[in-house]
Protein backbone atom coordinates (compact mmCIF):
# COMPACT_ATOMS: atom_id res chain seq x y z
CA MET A 1 119.27 111.70 117.06
CA ASP A 2 117.36 114.53 118.77
CA TYR A 3 118.83 117.92 119.43
CA PRO A 4 117.85 119.39 122.83
CA VAL A 5 116.81 123.00 123.11
CA THR A 6 118.32 124.78 126.07
CA SER A 7 115.39 125.59 128.33
CA ALA A 8 114.27 125.48 131.94
CA SER A 9 112.18 122.38 131.36
CA SER A 10 114.75 120.53 129.21
CA THR A 11 111.86 118.64 127.60
CA LEU A 12 111.70 120.57 124.33
CA LEU A 13 113.11 118.89 121.25
CA THR A 14 113.74 120.37 117.86
CA PHE A 15 114.56 118.75 114.55
CA ALA A 16 117.69 120.38 113.18
CA ASP A 17 117.04 119.39 109.57
CA LYS A 18 114.85 117.18 107.42
CA ASP A 19 117.24 114.21 107.75
CA VAL A 20 116.52 114.11 111.47
CA GLN A 21 112.79 114.16 110.73
CA LYS A 22 113.16 111.26 108.32
CA GLU A 23 114.94 109.17 110.94
CA THR A 24 111.91 109.43 113.20
CA SER A 25 109.66 107.92 110.52
CA ARG A 26 111.56 104.61 110.26
CA SER A 27 110.02 102.76 113.15
CA ASP A 28 108.97 99.13 112.74
CA GLY A 29 105.45 98.31 113.87
CA ALA A 30 104.28 101.92 113.90
CA ALA A 31 100.58 102.71 114.11
CA VAL A 32 101.19 105.88 112.08
CA SER A 33 104.00 106.71 109.70
CA LEU A 34 104.39 109.92 107.69
CA ARG A 35 107.46 110.05 105.47
CA SER A 36 108.40 113.32 103.75
CA VAL A 37 104.73 114.23 103.34
CA SER A 38 103.66 117.38 101.53
CA LYS A 39 100.13 118.48 100.64
CA ASP A 40 99.09 121.12 98.11
CA PHE A 41 95.65 122.59 97.48
CA ASP A 42 94.53 124.57 94.45
CA SER A 43 92.97 127.99 94.92
CA GLU A 44 92.07 130.97 92.74
CA ALA A 45 95.43 132.46 93.67
CA GLY A 46 97.27 129.29 92.59
CA THR A 47 98.64 126.24 94.34
CA ILE A 48 99.03 126.54 98.11
CA ARG A 49 101.33 124.22 100.06
CA ILE A 50 99.72 123.43 103.43
CA ILE A 51 102.06 120.63 104.58
CA ASN A 52 105.74 120.75 103.66
CA ASP A 53 108.00 117.68 104.00
CA VAL A 54 106.64 116.43 107.34
CA SER A 55 107.75 113.13 108.87
CA PHE A 56 106.84 111.49 112.15
CA THR A 57 105.64 108.18 113.57
CA VAL A 58 103.24 107.18 116.32
CA LYS A 59 103.69 103.89 118.16
CA PRO A 60 100.83 101.64 119.29
CA GLY A 61 99.63 102.87 122.67
CA GLU A 62 101.18 106.32 122.20
CA PHE A 63 99.21 109.56 122.63
CA VAL A 64 100.37 112.31 120.25
CA VAL A 65 98.86 115.80 120.10
CA LEU A 66 99.25 118.19 117.16
CA VAL A 67 99.15 121.88 118.10
CA GLY A 68 99.66 125.13 116.25
CA ARG A 69 97.89 128.20 114.99
CA SER A 70 94.90 127.99 112.66
CA GLY A 71 95.98 127.12 109.13
CA CYS A 72 99.23 125.41 110.16
CA GLY A 73 98.11 122.03 108.75
CA LYS A 74 96.95 120.10 111.83
CA THR A 75 93.59 118.99 110.47
CA THR A 76 95.07 118.42 107.02
CA ILE A 77 97.39 115.81 108.56
CA LEU A 78 94.48 114.24 110.44
CA ASN A 79 92.42 114.01 107.26
CA MET A 80 95.29 112.36 105.37
CA LEU A 81 95.60 109.82 108.18
CA ALA A 82 91.87 109.15 107.81
CA GLY A 83 92.33 108.59 104.08
CA LEU A 84 90.04 111.50 103.14
CA TYR A 85 92.61 112.67 100.62
CA PRO A 86 96.11 111.59 99.60
CA PRO A 87 99.36 113.49 100.10
CA THR A 88 100.74 115.40 97.12
CA SER A 89 104.07 113.71 97.78
CA GLY A 90 105.53 111.39 100.37
CA ALA A 91 103.92 108.40 102.07
CA VAL A 92 101.23 108.02 104.73
CA GLU A 93 100.79 104.60 106.32
CA ILE A 94 98.51 103.24 109.04
CA PHE A 95 99.77 99.96 110.51
CA ALA A 96 102.04 99.54 107.44
CA ASP A 97 99.06 99.85 105.08
CA SER A 98 97.27 102.63 103.24
CA PRO A 99 94.77 104.69 105.27
CA GLN A 100 91.98 103.46 102.98
CA ASN A 101 92.79 99.80 103.65
CA ALA A 102 93.19 100.45 107.39
CA ARG A 103 89.84 102.20 107.92
CA ARG A 104 88.34 99.33 109.89
CA ARG A 105 91.09 99.92 112.46
CA LEU A 106 90.39 103.66 112.72
CA GLY A 107 88.13 105.68 114.98
CA TYR A 108 87.39 109.38 114.31
CA MET A 109 85.99 111.75 116.93
CA LEU A 110 84.99 115.37 116.32
CA ALA A 111 83.99 118.36 118.46
CA ASN A 112 80.39 117.79 117.32
CA ASP A 113 79.03 114.58 118.87
CA ALA A 114 77.02 113.84 115.68
CA LEU A 115 74.51 111.67 117.55
CA MET A 116 71.43 110.59 115.64
CA PRO A 117 68.52 112.33 117.40
CA TRP A 118 66.05 109.47 116.87
CA ARG A 119 68.32 106.81 118.37
CA SER A 120 68.76 106.29 122.11
CA ALA A 121 72.21 106.54 123.69
CA VAL A 122 72.74 102.79 123.51
CA ARG A 123 71.54 102.60 119.89
CA ASN A 124 73.90 105.46 118.95
CA VAL A 125 76.78 103.49 120.47
CA GLU A 126 75.65 100.42 118.54
CA LEU A 127 75.72 102.22 115.19
CA GLY A 128 79.30 101.44 114.17
CA LEU A 129 78.92 97.84 115.32
CA GLU A 130 75.71 97.54 113.31
CA ILE A 131 77.51 98.78 110.20
CA LEU A 132 80.22 96.19 110.80
CA GLY A 133 77.55 93.47 110.86
CA MET A 134 77.83 92.48 114.53
CA PRO A 135 74.79 90.46 115.68
CA LYS A 136 72.16 92.47 117.60
CA LYS A 137 72.56 90.72 120.96
CA GLU A 138 76.35 91.00 120.85
CA ARG A 139 76.39 94.65 119.86
CA ARG A 140 73.84 95.55 122.56
CA LYS A 141 76.03 93.91 125.20
CA LYS A 142 79.10 95.74 123.89
CA ALA A 143 77.30 99.09 123.73
CA LEU A 144 75.97 98.82 127.28
CA SER A 145 79.43 97.90 128.53
CA MET A 146 80.96 100.96 126.84
CA LEU A 147 78.28 103.27 128.26
CA THR A 148 79.03 101.89 131.71
CA ASP A 149 82.74 102.56 131.15
CA VAL A 150 82.03 106.24 130.45
CA GLY A 151 79.64 106.54 133.41
CA LEU A 152 76.38 106.49 131.46
CA GLY A 153 75.02 103.01 132.05
CA HIS A 154 71.98 104.61 133.71
CA ALA A 155 71.25 106.76 130.63
CA ALA A 156 71.29 104.03 127.95
CA GLY A 157 67.65 104.54 126.99
CA ARG A 158 67.70 108.34 126.79
CA LEU A 159 67.50 110.23 123.53
CA PRO A 160 70.18 112.84 122.74
CA TRP A 161 67.90 115.78 123.62
CA GLN A 162 67.58 114.32 127.12
CA LEU A 163 71.35 114.41 127.67
CA SER A 164 73.62 117.28 128.69
CA HIS A 165 76.39 118.37 126.33
CA GLY A 166 78.99 116.50 128.36
CA MET A 167 76.85 113.37 128.44
CA ARG A 168 76.39 113.52 124.67
CA GLN A 169 80.14 113.73 124.18
CA ARG A 170 80.58 110.71 126.45
CA VAL A 171 78.10 108.79 124.25
CA ALA A 172 80.17 109.80 121.21
CA LEU A 173 83.27 108.58 123.03
CA ALA A 174 81.62 105.24 123.83
CA ARG A 175 80.50 104.91 120.19
CA THR A 176 84.06 105.51 118.98
CA TRP A 177 85.63 103.04 121.42
CA ALA A 178 82.99 100.34 120.85
CA ARG A 179 84.69 99.43 117.56
CA ASP A 180 88.00 98.79 119.36
CA PRO A 181 90.04 101.06 117.07
CA GLY A 182 93.77 100.54 116.87
CA LEU A 183 94.16 104.24 116.02
CA LEU A 184 91.92 107.04 117.24
CA LEU A 185 91.92 110.34 115.34
CA MET A 186 90.46 113.26 117.29
CA ASP A 187 89.76 116.77 115.96
CA GLU A 188 89.16 119.23 118.83
CA PRO A 189 86.90 116.68 120.59
CA PHE A 190 86.59 118.63 123.85
CA SER A 191 86.58 122.20 122.52
CA ALA A 192 82.83 122.79 122.74
CA LEU A 193 82.61 121.82 126.42
CA ASP A 194 82.72 124.19 129.39
CA ALA A 195 85.86 124.07 131.53
CA GLN A 196 84.63 121.71 134.26
CA THR A 197 82.85 119.36 131.85
CA ARG A 198 85.93 119.32 129.62
CA THR A 199 88.12 118.17 132.52
CA ASP A 200 85.63 115.46 133.46
CA VAL A 201 85.32 114.13 129.89
CA GLN A 202 89.10 114.26 129.38
CA ALA A 203 89.57 112.17 132.53
CA THR A 204 86.92 109.70 131.36
CA PHE A 205 88.63 109.44 127.99
CA LEU A 206 92.03 108.78 129.56
CA ASN A 207 90.58 106.06 131.78
CA VAL A 208 89.12 104.25 128.78
CA TRP A 209 92.20 104.75 126.61
CA GLN A 210 94.65 103.53 129.26
CA GLY A 211 92.89 100.18 129.24
CA SER A 212 93.70 99.74 125.55
CA ASN A 213 96.77 99.69 123.33
CA ALA A 214 95.31 102.18 120.88
CA ALA A 215 97.38 104.99 119.42
CA VAL A 216 95.84 108.47 119.53
CA VAL A 217 96.46 111.49 117.31
CA LEU A 218 94.58 114.51 118.65
CA VAL A 219 94.38 118.00 117.16
CA THR A 220 93.84 120.97 119.47
CA HIS A 221 94.47 124.70 119.79
CA ASP A 222 94.54 124.33 123.59
CA LEU A 223 98.13 124.13 124.82
CA SER A 224 97.02 123.15 128.33
CA GLU A 225 95.02 120.25 126.96
CA ALA A 226 97.98 119.12 124.87
CA LEU A 227 100.33 119.01 127.87
CA LEU A 228 97.79 117.32 130.13
CA LEU A 229 96.93 114.50 127.73
CA ALA A 230 99.90 113.79 125.49
CA ASP A 231 102.93 111.55 125.63
CA ARG A 232 104.31 113.74 122.87
CA VAL A 233 103.26 117.17 121.59
CA ILE A 234 104.15 118.06 117.99
CA MET A 235 104.11 121.79 117.32
CA LEU A 236 103.38 122.82 113.74
CA GLY A 237 103.95 126.12 111.96
CA ASP A 238 103.91 127.07 108.29
CA GLY A 239 103.25 123.44 107.40
CA LYS A 240 106.36 122.13 109.16
CA ILE A 241 107.25 120.55 112.50
CA LEU A 242 108.72 123.27 114.71
CA ARG A 243 109.23 121.43 117.98
CA GLU A 244 108.44 118.28 119.91
CA VAL A 245 107.60 118.33 123.60
CA ARG A 246 107.48 115.28 125.85
CA PRO A 247 105.49 116.21 128.98
CA PRO A 248 107.24 114.58 131.97
CA PHE A 249 104.04 113.42 133.69
CA GLU A 250 103.59 109.78 134.63
CA ARG A 251 100.44 107.79 133.91
CA PRO A 252 97.79 107.43 135.14
CA ARG A 253 97.47 111.19 135.35
CA ASP A 254 95.68 113.30 137.92
CA LEU A 255 94.76 116.19 135.65
CA PRO A 256 93.89 118.81 138.31
CA SER A 257 97.12 118.10 140.22
CA ILE A 258 99.24 118.32 137.08
CA ALA A 259 97.54 121.56 136.00
CA SER A 260 98.45 123.18 139.34
CA SER A 261 102.12 122.09 139.28
CA ASP A 262 105.08 124.39 138.66
CA THR A 263 106.41 122.04 135.96
CA PHE A 264 103.16 122.30 134.03
CA ARG A 265 103.04 126.10 134.30
CA ASP A 266 106.68 126.42 133.15
CA LEU A 267 106.07 124.19 130.14
CA LEU A 268 102.88 126.04 129.25
CA ASN A 269 104.65 129.39 129.34
CA GLU A 270 107.42 128.03 127.11
CA LEU A 271 104.95 126.77 124.54
CA ARG A 272 103.11 130.08 124.52
CA GLU A 273 106.36 131.93 123.92
CA LEU A 274 107.26 129.60 121.07
CA LEU A 275 103.88 130.08 119.36
CA ASN A 276 104.12 133.85 119.78
């Protein structure tokens, strides 16, 4: 069961003990499952524990955001989900399989668009499909469709240097979605964009995502972004889950309207107080 925290918003949840955390990890058909996961790294000063007995699940079609101060373990969790390294203890599963075996069902998007400068927008979108062995005609059709979905059908033939920063990030978004991932892992994907471009790209992303049943795990330092995008916000501190927040905003979301609402401002202030 969840234990409510007395607050004005009544949306904050806290896990009273590790048994409550473990209950949340036993969900059949989960896209993501972490069960009692800890992660240690060796340093000159000795072994450092970055993640300490963390458990949570993410359902197909659910949007979960991990927030917390630098060094709290957000990206470490994302990298374990991607199979870049194993947990020291506990279990990490993607669609009831190991992250390594589930990689064909994963998409990974970073703050850096990582476009290949010698490939046009459409050929950058095609890259993942090419690696998967999709025939040329089929992958071109898919790539053009994805560029149209993110509002860049007119720019398919442009090289990256001919695109604005926001346009480049939209190409990266189209490239990620072209593979039809069941789980999308995102590490600060909008952080390098200016405020207006960030809002536009976030809205584009939500429009594409809402037409799928993909699960999303996004890492950010931006509390506003977390509340605007997430079904569930997991707050991390000292390698542990501190709180869960379920923003009470219906989908599809009008991001500017939500950001100007009293409910949003109250929640944002609560989260800031908790982090401080």
